[in-house]
Amino acid sequence: MSMQNPRDTYLAATVQTASPAQLLVMLCERLNLDMERAAEALRQGRPSDAHEPLLHAQEIVLELRASLKVDAWEGGPGLAAIYDFLHSQLIKANMGKDLKITESCLSLVAELRDTWRAAAMSLLQASA
């Protein structure tokens, strides 16, 4: 019998019970965390430590892009273009271990995270 870490159990339960809006915010928060970790590693001259967070950030952006229903609303194509641009920049940042590109991506990701947080909060308030 394997015992699961209580933190992992809590996290799994949180993800399983989250609304789609909450899941989106969680992904954006993790994306932001990955970008912060990568930028900090590059600032400290540890480019090899930036690789995994930048790779994980790419995976999150691909998931966000894949789950986007572009035709569901008029802003869909614009958001798809942002995700596509961000993904290509993350690849460049990782290949070149480029702090400037990484920080630019971090800025964009922080804006996306804040926007999705505000949208999720609006949905929550509207349903209350």
N, C-alpha and C. Protein backbone atom coordinates (compact mmCIF):
# COMPACT_ATOMS: atom_id res chain seq x y z
N MET A 1 0.85 -1.16 0.00
CA MET A 1 0.00 0.00 0.00
C MET A 1 0.90 1.23 0.00
N SER A 2 0.66 2.13 -0.96
CA SER A 2 1.48 3.35 -1.00
C SER A 2 0.69 4.49 -0.38
N MET A 3 1.40 5.27 0.39
CA MET A 3 0.76 6.43 1.03
C MET A 3 1.06 7.65 0.17
N GLN A 4 0.02 8.37 -0.13
CA GLN A 4 0.18 9.55 -0.96
C GLN A 4 0.47 10.75 -0.07
N ASN A 5 1.30 11.61 -0.57
CA ASN A 5 1.63 12.86 0.12
C ASN A 5 0.34 13.66 0.30
N PRO A 6 0.07 14.17 1.51
CA PRO A 6 -1.16 14.95 1.75
C PRO A 6 -1.28 16.16 0.82
N ARG A 7 -0.16 16.78 0.51
CA ARG A 7 -0.18 17.94 -0.39
C ARG A 7 -0.65 17.52 -1.78
N ASP A 8 -0.15 16.38 -2.25
CA ASP A 8 -0.56 15.88 -3.57
C ASP A 8 -2.04 15.52 -3.59
N THR A 9 -2.51 14.94 -2.50
CA THR A 9 -3.93 14.59 -2.39
C THR A 9 -4.79 15.84 -2.44
N TYR A 10 -4.38 16.87 -1.70
CA TYR A 10 -5.12 18.14 -1.68
C TYR A 10 -5.12 18.77 -3.07
N LEU A 11 -3.95 18.78 -3.71
CA LEU A 11 -3.85 19.38 -5.04
C LEU A 11 -4.74 18.65 -6.04
N ALA A 12 -4.73 17.33 -5.99
CA ALA A 12 -5.56 16.55 -6.90
C ALA A 12 -7.04 16.85 -6.68
N ALA A 13 -7.45 16.95 -5.43
CA ALA A 13 -8.85 17.25 -5.12
C ALA A 13 -9.21 18.65 -5.59
N THR A 14 -8.29 19.58 -5.42
CA THR A 14 -8.53 20.96 -5.84
C THR A 14 -8.74 21.03 -7.35
N VAL A 15 -7.89 20.34 -8.09
CA VAL A 15 -8.00 20.34 -9.55
C VAL A 15 -9.28 19.65 -10.01
N GLN A 16 -9.62 18.52 -9.37
CA GLN A 16 -10.81 17.77 -9.76
C GLN A 16 -12.10 18.53 -9.50
N THR A 17 -12.11 19.39 -8.50
CA THR A 17 -13.34 20.11 -8.15
C THR A 17 -13.37 21.54 -8.68
N ALA A 18 -12.32 21.96 -9.37
CA ALA A 18 -12.25 23.34 -9.87
C ALA A 18 -13.16 23.51 -11.09
N SER A 19 -13.71 24.70 -11.20
CA SER A 19 -14.49 25.05 -12.39
C SER A 19 -13.52 25.27 -13.56
N PRO A 20 -14.03 25.29 -14.78
CA PRO A 20 -13.15 25.58 -15.92
C PRO A 20 -12.42 26.92 -15.77
N ALA A 21 -13.10 27.93 -15.25
CA ALA A 21 -12.45 29.23 -15.05
C ALA A 21 -11.34 29.13 -14.01
N GLN A 22 -11.58 28.39 -12.94
CA GLN A 22 -10.55 28.22 -11.91
C GLN A 22 -9.35 27.44 -12.46
N LEU A 23 -9.61 26.43 -13.28
CA LEU A 23 -8.52 25.67 -13.89
C LEU A 23 -7.67 26.56 -14.80
N LEU A 24 -8.32 27.42 -15.54
CA LEU A 24 -7.61 28.34 -16.41
C LEU A 24 -6.70 29.27 -15.59
N VAL A 25 -7.24 29.78 -14.50
CA VAL A 25 -6.44 30.65 -13.63
C VAL A 25 -5.27 29.87 -13.03
N MET A 26 -5.52 28.64 -12.60
CA MET A 26 -4.44 27.82 -12.05
C MET A 26 -3.32 27.61 -13.07
N LEU A 27 -3.70 27.33 -14.31
CA LEU A 27 -2.69 27.15 -15.36
C LEU A 27 -1.90 28.44 -15.57
N CYS A 28 -2.58 29.56 -15.58
CA CYS A 28 -1.90 30.84 -15.78
C CYS A 28 -0.98 31.17 -14.61
N GLU A 29 -1.40 30.83 -13.42
CA GLU A 29 -0.55 31.07 -12.25
C GLU A 29 0.69 30.20 -12.30
N ARG A 30 0.54 28.94 -12.72
CA ARG A 30 1.71 28.07 -12.84
C ARG A 30 2.62 28.54 -13.96
N LEU A 31 2.02 29.00 -15.05
CA LEU A 31 2.80 29.55 -16.16
C LEU A 31 3.63 30.74 -15.68
N ASN A 32 3.01 31.61 -14.91
CA ASN A 32 3.72 32.77 -14.37
C ASN A 32 4.86 32.32 -13.45
N LEU A 33 4.60 31.33 -12.61
CA LEU A 33 5.64 30.82 -11.71
C LEU A 33 6.81 30.25 -12.50
N ASP A 34 6.52 29.48 -13.54
CA ASP A 34 7.58 28.94 -14.39
C ASP A 34 8.42 30.06 -15.00
N MET A 35 7.75 31.09 -15.47
CA MET A 35 8.46 32.21 -16.08
C MET A 35 9.32 32.95 -15.07
N GLU A 36 8.79 33.13 -13.86
CA GLU A 36 9.58 33.79 -12.81
C GLU A 36 10.82 32.96 -12.48
N ARG A 37 10.66 31.65 -12.37
CA ARG A 37 11.80 30.77 -12.07
C ARG A 37 12.85 30.82 -13.17
N ALA A 38 12.40 30.80 -14.41
CA ALA A 38 13.34 30.85 -15.54
C ALA A 38 14.08 32.18 -15.57
N ALA A 39 13.35 33.26 -15.40
CA ALA A 39 13.99 34.58 -15.43
C ALA A 39 15.00 34.72 -14.29
N GLU A 40 14.64 34.25 -13.12
CA GLU A 40 15.56 34.34 -11.98
C GLU A 40 16.82 33.51 -12.23
N ALA A 41 16.66 32.33 -12.78
CA ALA A 41 17.83 31.49 -13.09
C ALA A 41 18.74 32.19 -14.10
N LEU A 42 18.16 32.81 -15.11
CA LEU A 42 18.97 33.51 -16.10
C LEU A 42 19.64 34.74 -15.50
N ARG A 43 18.93 35.46 -14.65
CA ARG A 43 19.53 36.62 -13.98
C ARG A 43 20.73 36.22 -13.14
N GLN A 44 20.66 35.05 -12.54
CA GLN A 44 21.73 34.58 -11.67
C GLN A 44 22.83 33.82 -12.43
N GLY A 45 22.74 33.82 -13.74
CA GLY A 45 23.77 33.17 -14.54
C GLY A 45 23.72 31.65 -14.50
N ARG A 46 22.51 31.10 -14.31
CA ARG A 46 22.33 29.65 -14.27
C ARG A 46 21.40 29.22 -15.41
N PRO A 47 21.86 29.34 -16.65
CA PRO A 47 20.97 29.05 -17.78
C PRO A 47 20.44 27.61 -17.79
N SER A 48 21.21 26.66 -17.30
CA SER A 48 20.72 25.27 -17.31
C SER A 48 19.50 25.12 -16.39
N ASP A 49 19.41 25.95 -15.35
CA ASP A 49 18.27 25.89 -14.45
C ASP A 49 17.02 26.55 -15.04
N ALA A 50 17.19 27.28 -16.12
CA ALA A 50 16.05 27.93 -16.77
C ALA A 50 15.37 26.99 -17.77
N HIS A 51 16.07 25.94 -18.16
CA HIS A 51 15.55 25.05 -19.21
C HIS A 51 14.21 24.41 -18.85
N GLU A 52 14.15 23.73 -17.71
CA GLU A 52 12.91 23.02 -17.34
C GLU A 52 11.71 23.96 -17.17
N PRO A 53 11.86 25.09 -16.46
CA PRO A 53 10.70 25.98 -16.35
C PRO A 53 10.25 26.54 -17.70
N LEU A 54 11.20 26.83 -18.58
CA LEU A 54 10.81 27.33 -19.91
C LEU A 54 10.13 26.24 -20.72
N LEU A 55 10.59 25.01 -20.59
CA LEU A 55 9.96 23.89 -21.28
C LEU A 55 8.54 23.66 -20.75
N HIS A 56 8.38 23.71 -19.44
CA HIS A 56 7.06 23.52 -18.84
C HIS A 56 6.13 24.67 -19.26
N ALA A 57 6.66 25.88 -19.33
CA ALA A 57 5.86 27.02 -19.78
C ALA A 57 5.36 26.80 -21.20
N GLN A 58 6.22 26.26 -22.06
CA GLN A 58 5.81 25.96 -23.44
C GLN A 58 4.65 24.97 -23.44
N GLU A 59 4.75 23.95 -22.60
CA GLU A 59 3.69 22.93 -22.53
C GLU A 59 2.37 23.55 -22.08
N ILE A 60 2.43 24.43 -21.10
CA ILE A 60 1.21 25.08 -20.61
C ILE A 60 0.59 25.93 -21.71
N VAL A 61 1.42 26.69 -22.41
CA VAL A 61 0.88 27.54 -23.49
C VAL A 61 0.25 26.68 -24.59
N LEU A 62 0.87 25.56 -24.90
CA LEU A 62 0.28 24.66 -25.90
C LEU A 62 -1.07 24.13 -25.41
N GLU A 63 -1.18 23.82 -24.12
CA GLU A 63 -2.45 23.34 -23.56
C GLU A 63 -3.50 24.45 -23.61
N LEU A 64 -3.10 25.66 -23.25
CA LEU A 64 -4.04 26.79 -23.31
C LEU A 64 -4.54 27.00 -24.74
N ARG A 65 -3.62 26.92 -25.68
CA ARG A 65 -3.97 27.11 -27.09
C ARG A 65 -4.89 25.99 -27.58
N ALA A 66 -4.58 24.75 -27.21
CA ALA A 66 -5.37 23.61 -27.66
C ALA A 66 -6.78 23.64 -27.08
N SER A 67 -6.92 24.15 -25.88
CA SER A 67 -8.24 24.16 -25.23
C SER A 67 -9.07 25.39 -25.61
N LEU A 68 -8.47 26.32 -26.32
CA LEU A 68 -9.17 27.55 -26.72
C LEU A 68 -10.15 27.24 -27.85
N LYS A 69 -11.40 27.61 -27.65
CA LYS A 69 -12.40 27.48 -28.69
C LYS A 69 -12.44 28.81 -29.45
N VAL A 70 -11.63 28.87 -30.48
CA VAL A 70 -11.40 30.11 -31.21
C VAL A 70 -12.70 30.73 -31.74
N ASP A 71 -13.63 29.90 -32.18
CA ASP A 71 -14.86 30.40 -32.78
C ASP A 71 -15.95 30.71 -31.76
N ALA A 72 -15.68 30.48 -30.47
CA ALA A 72 -16.71 30.65 -29.46
C ALA A 72 -16.99 32.12 -29.12
N TRP A 73 -16.06 33.00 -29.43
CA TRP A 73 -16.26 34.42 -29.12
C TRP A 73 -15.36 35.25 -30.03
N GLU A 74 -15.68 36.51 -30.18
CA GLU A 74 -14.98 37.35 -31.15
C GLU A 74 -13.51 37.57 -30.81
N GLY A 75 -13.13 37.45 -29.54
CA GLY A 75 -11.74 37.63 -29.14
C GLY A 75 -10.89 36.38 -29.31
N GLY A 76 -11.53 35.27 -29.66
CA GLY A 76 -10.82 33.99 -29.78
C GLY A 76 -9.63 34.01 -30.71
N PRO A 77 -9.78 34.50 -31.94
CA PRO A 77 -8.63 34.51 -32.85
C PRO A 77 -7.47 35.37 -32.33
N GLY A 78 -7.78 36.48 -31.70
CA GLY A 78 -6.72 37.32 -31.14
C GLY A 78 -5.98 36.63 -30.02
N LEU A 79 -6.72 35.95 -29.16
CA LEU A 79 -6.09 35.23 -28.06
C LEU A 79 -5.25 34.07 -28.59
N ALA A 80 -5.75 33.40 -29.62
CA ALA A 80 -4.98 32.32 -30.25
C ALA A 80 -3.66 32.86 -30.79
N ALA A 81 -3.70 34.03 -31.40
CA ALA A 81 -2.48 34.64 -31.93
C ALA A 81 -1.50 34.99 -30.80
N ILE A 82 -2.03 35.44 -29.68
CA ILE A 82 -1.17 35.74 -28.52
C ILE A 82 -0.50 34.46 -28.02
N TYR A 83 -1.29 33.40 -27.88
CA TYR A 83 -0.72 32.12 -27.43
C TYR A 83 0.34 31.62 -28.41
N ASP A 84 0.08 31.73 -29.71
CA ASP A 84 1.04 31.28 -30.72
C ASP A 84 2.33 32.10 -30.64
N PHE A 85 2.19 33.41 -30.51
CA PHE A 85 3.35 34.28 -30.38
C PHE A 85 4.14 33.94 -29.11
N LEU A 86 3.44 33.79 -28.01
CA LEU A 86 4.09 33.48 -26.74
C LEU A 86 4.86 32.15 -26.84
N HIS A 87 4.25 31.16 -27.45
CA HIS A 87 4.92 29.87 -27.59
C HIS A 87 6.21 30.01 -28.41
N SER A 88 6.14 30.72 -29.51
CA SER A 88 7.34 30.89 -30.34
C SER A 88 8.43 31.66 -29.58
N GLN A 89 8.04 32.64 -28.80
CA GLN A 89 9.01 33.40 -28.01
C GLN A 89 9.63 32.54 -26.91
N LEU A 90 8.83 31.69 -26.31
CA LEU A 90 9.36 30.79 -25.27
C LEU A 90 10.39 29.83 -25.86
N ILE A 91 10.15 29.36 -27.06
CA ILE A 91 11.12 28.50 -27.72
C ILE A 91 12.42 29.25 -27.94
N LYS A 92 12.31 30.48 -28.46
CA LYS A 92 13.51 31.31 -28.69
C LYS A 92 14.24 31.57 -27.38
N ALA A 93 13.48 31.90 -26.34
CA ALA A 93 14.10 32.19 -25.04
C ALA A 93 14.86 30.97 -24.53
N ASN A 94 14.26 29.80 -24.70
CA ASN A 94 14.90 28.59 -24.19
C ASN A 94 16.11 28.19 -25.04
N MET A 95 15.99 28.30 -26.33
CA MET A 95 17.11 27.93 -27.19
C MET A 95 18.31 28.83 -26.95
N GLY A 96 18.06 30.12 -26.79
CA GLY A 96 19.16 31.06 -26.60
C GLY A 96 19.44 31.42 -25.15
N LYS A 97 18.64 30.85 -24.24
CA LYS A 97 18.73 31.21 -22.81
C LYS A 97 18.80 32.74 -22.70
N ASP A 98 17.83 33.37 -23.34
CA ASP A 98 17.78 34.82 -23.52
C ASP A 98 16.93 35.47 -22.42
N LEU A 99 17.58 36.21 -21.54
CA LEU A 99 16.88 36.86 -20.44
C LEU A 99 15.90 37.92 -20.93
N LYS A 100 16.27 38.68 -21.93
CA LYS A 100 15.39 39.75 -22.43
C LYS A 100 14.08 39.17 -22.95
N ILE A 101 14.16 38.12 -23.74
CA ILE A 101 12.94 37.49 -24.27
C ILE A 101 12.14 36.86 -23.12
N THR A 102 12.84 36.23 -22.19
CA THR A 102 12.17 35.59 -21.05
C THR A 102 11.41 36.63 -20.23
N GLU A 103 12.04 37.77 -19.96
CA GLU A 103 11.37 38.82 -19.19
C GLU A 103 10.20 39.41 -19.96
N SER A 104 10.33 39.52 -21.27
CA SER A 104 9.22 40.01 -22.09
C SER A 104 8.04 39.03 -22.02
N CYS A 105 8.34 37.74 -22.09
CA CYS A 105 7.30 36.71 -21.96
C CYS A 105 6.67 36.76 -20.57
N LEU A 106 7.48 36.94 -19.55
CA LEU A 106 6.98 37.03 -18.19
C LEU A 106 5.99 38.17 -18.05
N SER A 107 6.31 39.30 -18.64
CA SER A 107 5.40 40.45 -18.60
C SER A 107 4.06 40.13 -19.27
N LEU A 108 4.12 39.49 -20.42
CA LEU A 108 2.89 39.11 -21.14
C LEU A 108 2.10 38.08 -20.34
N VAL A 109 2.78 37.11 -19.77
CA VAL A 109 2.12 36.07 -18.97
C VAL A 109 1.45 36.67 -17.74
N ALA A 110 2.11 37.62 -17.09
CA ALA A 110 1.52 38.26 -15.91
C ALA A 110 0.24 39.00 -16.28
N GLU A 111 0.25 39.64 -17.44
CA GLU A 111 -0.96 40.33 -17.90
C GLU A 111 -2.09 39.34 -18.19
N LEU A 112 -1.75 38.25 -18.86
CA LEU A 112 -2.76 37.21 -19.13
C LEU A 112 -3.32 36.65 -17.83
N ARG A 113 -2.43 36.34 -16.90
CA ARG A 113 -2.86 35.79 -15.60
C ARG A 113 -3.82 36.76 -14.91
N ASP A 114 -3.46 38.02 -14.87
CA ASP A 114 -4.31 39.01 -14.20
C ASP A 114 -5.65 39.17 -14.90
N THR A 115 -5.64 39.11 -16.22
CA THR A 115 -6.88 39.23 -16.99
C THR A 115 -7.79 38.04 -16.73
N TRP A 116 -7.22 36.81 -16.75
CA TRP A 116 -8.03 35.62 -16.51
C TRP A 116 -8.53 35.58 -15.07
N ARG A 117 -7.72 36.06 -14.13
CA ARG A 117 -8.18 36.14 -12.73
C ARG A 117 -9.39 37.05 -12.62
N ALA A 118 -9.30 38.22 -13.25
CA ALA A 118 -10.40 39.19 -13.20
C ALA A 118 -11.66 38.61 -13.86
N ALA A 119 -11.48 37.92 -14.98
CA ALA A 119 -12.63 37.32 -15.67
C ALA A 119 -13.26 36.23 -14.81
N ALA A 120 -12.45 35.41 -14.17
CA ALA A 120 -12.97 34.35 -13.30
C ALA A 120 -13.71 34.95 -12.11
N MET A 121 -13.18 36.03 -11.57
CA MET A 121 -13.84 36.69 -10.44
C MET A 121 -15.17 37.28 -10.87
N SER A 122 -15.23 37.85 -12.06
CA SER A 122 -16.48 38.40 -12.58
C SER A 122 -17.53 37.30 -12.74
N LEU A 123 -17.10 36.14 -13.26
CA LEU A 123 -18.01 35.01 -13.40
C LEU A 123 -18.53 34.54 -12.05
N LEU A 124 -17.66 34.49 -11.09
CA LEU A 124 -18.03 34.06 -9.74
C LEU A 124 -19.04 35.02 -9.13
N GLN A 125 -18.78 36.32 -9.29
CA GLN A 125 -19.68 37.32 -8.74
C GLN A 125 -21.03 37.32 -9.46
N ALA A 126 -21.00 37.09 -10.75
CA ALA A 126 -22.25 37.06 -11.53
C ALA A 126 -23.12 35.87 -11.16
N SER A 127 -22.49 34.77 -10.78
CA SER A 127 -23.25 33.58 -10.42
C SER A 127 -23.70 33.59 -8.98
N ALA A 128 -23.19 34.51 -8.18
CA ALA A 128 -23.54 34.57 -6.75
C ALA A 128 -24.86 35.28 -6.51
